[in-house]
Amino acid sequence: MAMIPARYDATRFPGKLMQTLGDKTVIRQTYDATVATSLFDEVVVVTDSEIILNEITSHGGTAVMSKKNHESGSDRIAEAAAEMDVDIIVNVQGDTPFIKRSPLEELLKQFDDPSVQVGSLMQILKNEKEINDPNFVKVTVDKSMNSLFFSRSVIPYPRDNGIPITHYEHIGVYAFRKKALLDFAHWPITPLEAAEKIECLRYLEHGIPLRMVIVDYIGIEIDTPEDLEKAAKLI
């Protein structure tokens, strides 16, 4: 199952999911792109907004209401998933309208390894401005592609410019075993998560790494009005 958490009042760009992108709203572009992968028995938008709910259901999609006071998208979908009979849940962020089948398929393959509890995506960052931009969340991994840390700061820091470093941007698409997702929702917000405002740090602070998958460029996440302008040109 794929679930799309959709909060109306986003901190950096309130109402962004209802902005027009091409011939649809951002949230409908994301929903339709997720459905088009044909990987899921069901795709559900989980939202705190009747405006978003109506936007999806009025066009034949599936959406459910959640409480307004969730701290993260994972908390929001955990509320909806608690009563569902499902093994693995993919969390597609509502602001990723260019999501494609291939990266999601590769993400799901990681769960053939029974040790994997949570997985996510990353792509290579090459633009120096983006590497230094706190709106681009960076991630470092070990040799098994398990996450070591996520940060809005530059990681790793290039103290020695003679050593080649690859910087990865974390893409806000996750997959969870149901128990891992429900555990996450029951844990209180952790210090690093609160400081960085990066939800997956809650897993790391409980000793659970994320299995990361490198993907080719999958488009733009809509975090700011400038991102929306870039996405409009790309679409």
Protein backbone atom coordinates (compact mmCIF):
# COMPACT_ATOMS: atom_id res chain seq x y z
CA MET A 1 0.00 0.00 0.00
CA ALA A 2 1.10 3.57 -0.68
CA MET A 3 0.05 6.36 1.64
CA ILE A 4 0.51 10.07 0.96
CA PRO A 5 0.53 12.31 4.04
CA ALA A 6 -0.85 15.72 3.08
CA ARG A 7 -0.82 18.59 5.56
CA TYR A 8 -2.36 21.81 4.29
CA ASP A 9 -0.43 24.34 6.38
CA ALA A 10 3.14 23.45 5.44
CA THR A 11 5.61 25.55 7.44
CA ARG A 12 7.69 26.91 4.56
CA PHE A 13 4.97 27.09 1.91
CA PRO A 14 1.40 27.00 3.33
CA GLY A 15 -1.15 25.57 0.90
CA LYS A 16 1.57 24.29 -1.44
CA LEU A 17 -0.22 21.01 -2.16
CA MET A 18 -3.17 22.92 -3.62
CA GLN A 19 -1.02 25.05 -5.91
CA THR A 20 -1.52 24.46 -9.62
CA LEU A 21 1.21 22.50 -11.38
CA GLY A 22 0.54 21.89 -15.05
CA ASP A 23 -3.14 21.01 -15.38
CA LYS A 24 -3.58 19.70 -11.80
CA THR A 25 -2.81 20.59 -8.22
CA VAL A 26 0.48 19.40 -6.71
CA ILE A 27 -1.27 16.80 -4.55
CA ARG A 28 -3.19 15.37 -7.51
CA GLN A 29 -0.03 15.21 -9.61
CA THR A 30 1.61 13.20 -6.81
CA TYR A 31 -1.42 10.96 -6.29
CA ASP A 32 -1.85 10.21 -9.98
CA ALA A 33 1.88 9.57 -10.44
CA THR A 34 1.84 7.10 -7.55
CA VAL A 35 -1.21 5.28 -8.92
CA ALA A 36 0.43 5.18 -12.37
CA THR A 37 3.32 3.07 -11.03
CA SER A 38 0.87 0.11 -10.74
CA LEU A 39 2.88 -1.16 -7.75
CA PHE A 40 0.17 -0.80 -5.13
CA ASP A 41 -3.15 -2.44 -4.33
CA GLU A 42 -4.28 0.90 -2.95
CA VAL A 43 -3.08 4.51 -2.81
CA VAL A 44 -4.51 6.66 -0.02
CA VAL A 45 -4.04 10.33 0.81
CA VAL A 46 -4.07 10.96 4.57
CA THR A 47 -4.82 14.61 5.27
CA ASP A 48 -5.84 17.08 7.96
CA SER A 49 -7.63 19.23 5.39
CA GLU A 50 -11.13 18.92 3.96
CA ILE A 51 -9.91 20.99 1.01
CA ILE A 52 -7.31 18.33 0.13
CA LEU A 53 -9.74 15.51 0.94
CA ASN A 54 -12.29 16.94 -1.49
CA GLU A 55 -9.62 17.58 -4.12
CA ILE A 56 -8.72 13.89 -4.18
CA THR A 57 -12.14 12.29 -3.72
CA SER A 58 -13.89 14.59 -6.20
CA HIS A 59 -11.54 13.26 -8.88
CA GLY A 60 -12.13 9.61 -8.01
CA GLY A 61 -9.21 9.12 -5.64
CA THR A 62 -9.11 7.74 -2.09
CA ALA A 63 -8.46 10.00 0.90
CA VAL A 64 -9.07 9.86 4.65
CA MET A 65 -9.01 12.50 7.36
CA SER A 66 -6.49 12.48 10.20
CA LYS A 67 -5.88 14.59 13.27
CA LYS A 68 -4.28 17.99 12.72
CA ASN A 69 -1.61 17.79 15.41
CA HIS A 70 0.81 15.26 13.94
CA GLU A 71 4.48 16.21 14.05
CA SER A 72 5.47 14.38 10.88
CA GLY A 73 4.09 12.67 7.81
CA SER A 74 5.02 9.28 9.25
CA ASP A 75 3.00 10.01 12.40
CA ARG A 76 0.06 10.97 10.21
CA ILE A 77 0.01 7.79 8.14
CA ALA A 78 0.63 5.63 11.22
CA GLU A 79 -2.73 6.79 12.56
CA ALA A 80 -4.46 5.58 9.40
CA ALA A 81 -2.38 2.39 9.05
CA ALA A 82 -2.94 1.15 12.62
CA GLU A 83 -6.21 -0.62 11.76
CA MET A 84 -5.21 -1.79 8.29
CA ASP A 85 -4.12 -5.32 7.36
CA VAL A 86 -0.90 -4.49 5.54
CA ASP A 87 2.73 -5.66 5.73
CA ILE A 88 4.73 -2.90 4.04
CA ILE A 89 3.66 0.71 3.68
CA VAL A 90 5.27 3.16 1.29
CA ASN A 91 5.11 6.80 2.33
CA VAL A 92 5.15 9.07 -0.71
CA GLN A 93 5.38 12.72 0.28
CA GLY A 94 2.62 14.87 -1.15
CA ASP A 95 5.11 17.32 -2.61
CA THR A 96 6.92 14.80 -4.88
CA PRO A 97 4.87 15.04 -8.09
CA PHE A 98 7.53 13.46 -10.32
CA ILE A 99 7.72 10.11 -8.54
CA LYS A 100 8.20 7.14 -10.89
CA ARG A 101 7.85 3.36 -10.75
CA SER A 102 11.54 2.42 -10.88
CA PRO A 103 12.74 4.01 -7.59
CA LEU A 104 9.70 2.74 -5.70
CA GLU A 105 10.17 -0.75 -7.10
CA GLU A 106 13.83 -0.73 -6.05
CA LEU A 107 12.86 0.51 -2.59
CA LEU A 108 10.38 -2.34 -2.14
CA LYS A 109 13.04 -4.89 -3.15
CA GLN A 110 15.06 -3.96 -0.06
CA PHE A 111 12.48 -5.70 2.10
CA ASP A 112 13.53 -9.07 0.70
CA ASP A 113 16.18 -8.68 3.41
CA PRO A 114 14.36 -9.49 6.67
CA SER A 115 16.69 -7.21 8.64
CA VAL A 116 15.39 -4.11 6.85
CA GLN A 117 12.76 -2.30 8.87
CA VAL A 118 12.74 1.04 7.09
CA GLY A 119 14.00 2.14 3.68
CA SER A 120 14.28 5.42 1.83
CA LEU A 121 15.70 7.09 -1.29
CA MET A 122 18.59 9.41 -2.02
CA GLN A 123 20.11 11.04 -5.06
CA ILE A 124 23.53 12.56 -5.76
CA LEU A 125 23.89 16.28 -5.15
CA LYS A 126 26.40 18.06 -7.39
CA ASN A 127 25.29 21.70 -7.22
CA GLU A 128 27.33 23.55 -4.57
CA LYS A 129 24.44 25.88 -3.75
CA GLU A 130 22.12 22.94 -3.12
CA ILE A 131 24.74 21.13 -1.02
CA ASN A 132 24.90 24.18 1.26
CA ASP A 133 21.13 24.82 1.25
CA PRO A 134 19.44 23.66 4.50
CA ASN A 135 16.26 22.93 2.54
CA PHE A 136 18.18 20.03 0.96
CA VAL A 137 18.48 17.29 3.58
CA LYS A 138 21.77 15.41 3.26
CA VAL A 139 22.43 11.79 4.25
CA THR A 140 25.56 9.70 4.80
CA VAL A 141 25.63 5.90 4.56
CA ASP A 142 27.83 2.95 5.48
CA LYS A 143 29.15 0.29 3.09
CA SER A 144 25.88 -1.65 3.36
CA MET A 145 23.88 1.42 2.31
CA ASN A 146 22.45 1.87 5.81
CA SER A 147 22.03 5.46 6.92
CA LEU A 148 24.54 6.92 9.36
CA PHE A 149 23.10 10.41 9.73
CA PHE A 150 20.74 12.93 8.16
CA SER A 151 21.31 16.68 8.39
CA ARG A 152 20.44 20.03 6.89
CA SER A 153 24.12 20.92 7.32
CA VAL A 154 26.80 19.79 4.88
CA ILE A 155 27.70 16.18 5.69
CA PRO A 156 30.34 14.99 5.41
CA TYR A 157 32.17 18.29 5.90
CA PRO A 158 35.05 18.58 3.35
CA ARG A 159 37.85 19.27 5.82
CA ASP A 160 40.32 17.83 3.32
CA ASN A 161 39.49 19.11 -0.14
CA GLY A 162 41.81 16.54 -1.68
CA ILE A 163 39.51 13.65 -0.80
CA PRO A 164 36.65 13.03 -3.27
CA ILE A 165 33.29 13.21 -1.51
CA THR A 166 29.86 12.31 -2.83
CA HIS A 167 27.01 14.26 -1.26
CA TYR A 168 23.58 12.66 -1.22
CA GLU A 169 20.22 14.36 -0.91
CA HIS A 170 17.60 12.48 1.04
CA ILE A 171 14.39 12.09 -0.95
CA GLY A 172 11.35 12.12 1.31
CA VAL A 173 9.97 8.75 0.22
CA TYR A 174 9.96 5.96 2.81
CA ALA A 175 8.90 2.34 3.10
CA PHE A 176 8.21 0.69 6.46
CA ARG A 177 7.26 -2.62 7.91
CA LYS A 178 4.01 -1.89 9.72
CA LYS A 179 5.46 -2.56 13.18
CA ALA A 180 8.36 -0.15 12.58
CA LEU A 181 5.93 2.57 11.52
CA LEU A 182 3.67 2.06 14.55
CA ASP A 183 6.69 1.97 16.88
CA PHE A 184 7.83 5.29 15.40
CA ALA A 185 4.46 6.87 16.12
CA HIS A 186 4.53 5.74 19.76
CA TRP A 187 8.02 7.10 20.45
CA PRO A 188 8.27 10.73 21.60
CA ILE A 189 10.12 13.19 19.39
CA THR A 190 13.85 12.75 19.88
CA PRO A 191 16.41 15.54 20.45
CA LEU A 192 18.15 15.31 17.08
CA GLU A 193 14.82 15.12 15.27
CA ALA A 194 13.63 18.23 17.10
CA ALA A 195 16.84 20.11 16.36
CA GLU A 196 17.06 19.28 12.65
CA LYS A 197 13.32 18.92 11.93
CA ILE A 198 14.06 15.65 10.12
CA GLU A 199 11.65 12.90 11.13
CA CYS A 200 13.80 9.88 10.22
CA LEU A 201 16.35 10.85 12.86
CA ARG A 202 13.86 9.40 15.34
CA TYR A 203 14.65 5.96 13.92
CA LEU A 204 18.41 6.51 14.16
CA GLU A 205 18.10 7.66 17.75
CA HIS A 206 16.38 4.33 18.50
CA GLY A 207 19.13 2.34 16.79
CA ILE A 208 17.23 1.59 13.56
CA PRO A 209 19.08 2.52 10.35
CA LEU A 210 17.30 3.22 7.09
CA ARG A 211 18.33 1.13 4.08
CA MET A 212 19.06 3.75 1.44
CA VAL A 213 18.63 3.34 -2.32
CA ILE A 214 20.45 5.56 -4.81
CA VAL A 215 18.14 6.71 -7.58
CA ASP A 216 18.58 8.85 -10.64
CA TYR A 217 17.19 12.36 -10.48
CA ILE A 218 13.47 12.03 -9.77
CA GLY A 219 12.44 15.64 -10.13
CA ILE A 220 11.74 18.41 -7.67
CA GLU A 221 10.23 18.33 -4.20
CA ILE A 222 7.96 21.33 -3.73
CA ASP A 223 9.23 22.98 -0.54
CA THR A 224 9.20 26.63 -1.61
CA PRO A 225 7.54 28.89 -4.21
CA GLU A 226 10.84 28.78 -6.12
CA ASP A 227 10.59 24.98 -6.27
CA LEU A 228 7.11 25.31 -7.73
CA GLU A 229 8.44 27.58 -10.47
CA LYS A 230 11.19 25.05 -11.28
CA ALA A 231 8.64 22.21 -11.32
CA ALA A 232 6.36 24.14 -13.67
CA LYS A 233 9.23 24.38 -16.17
CA LEU A 234 10.10 20.71 -15.73
CA ILE A 235 6.54 19.46 -16.19
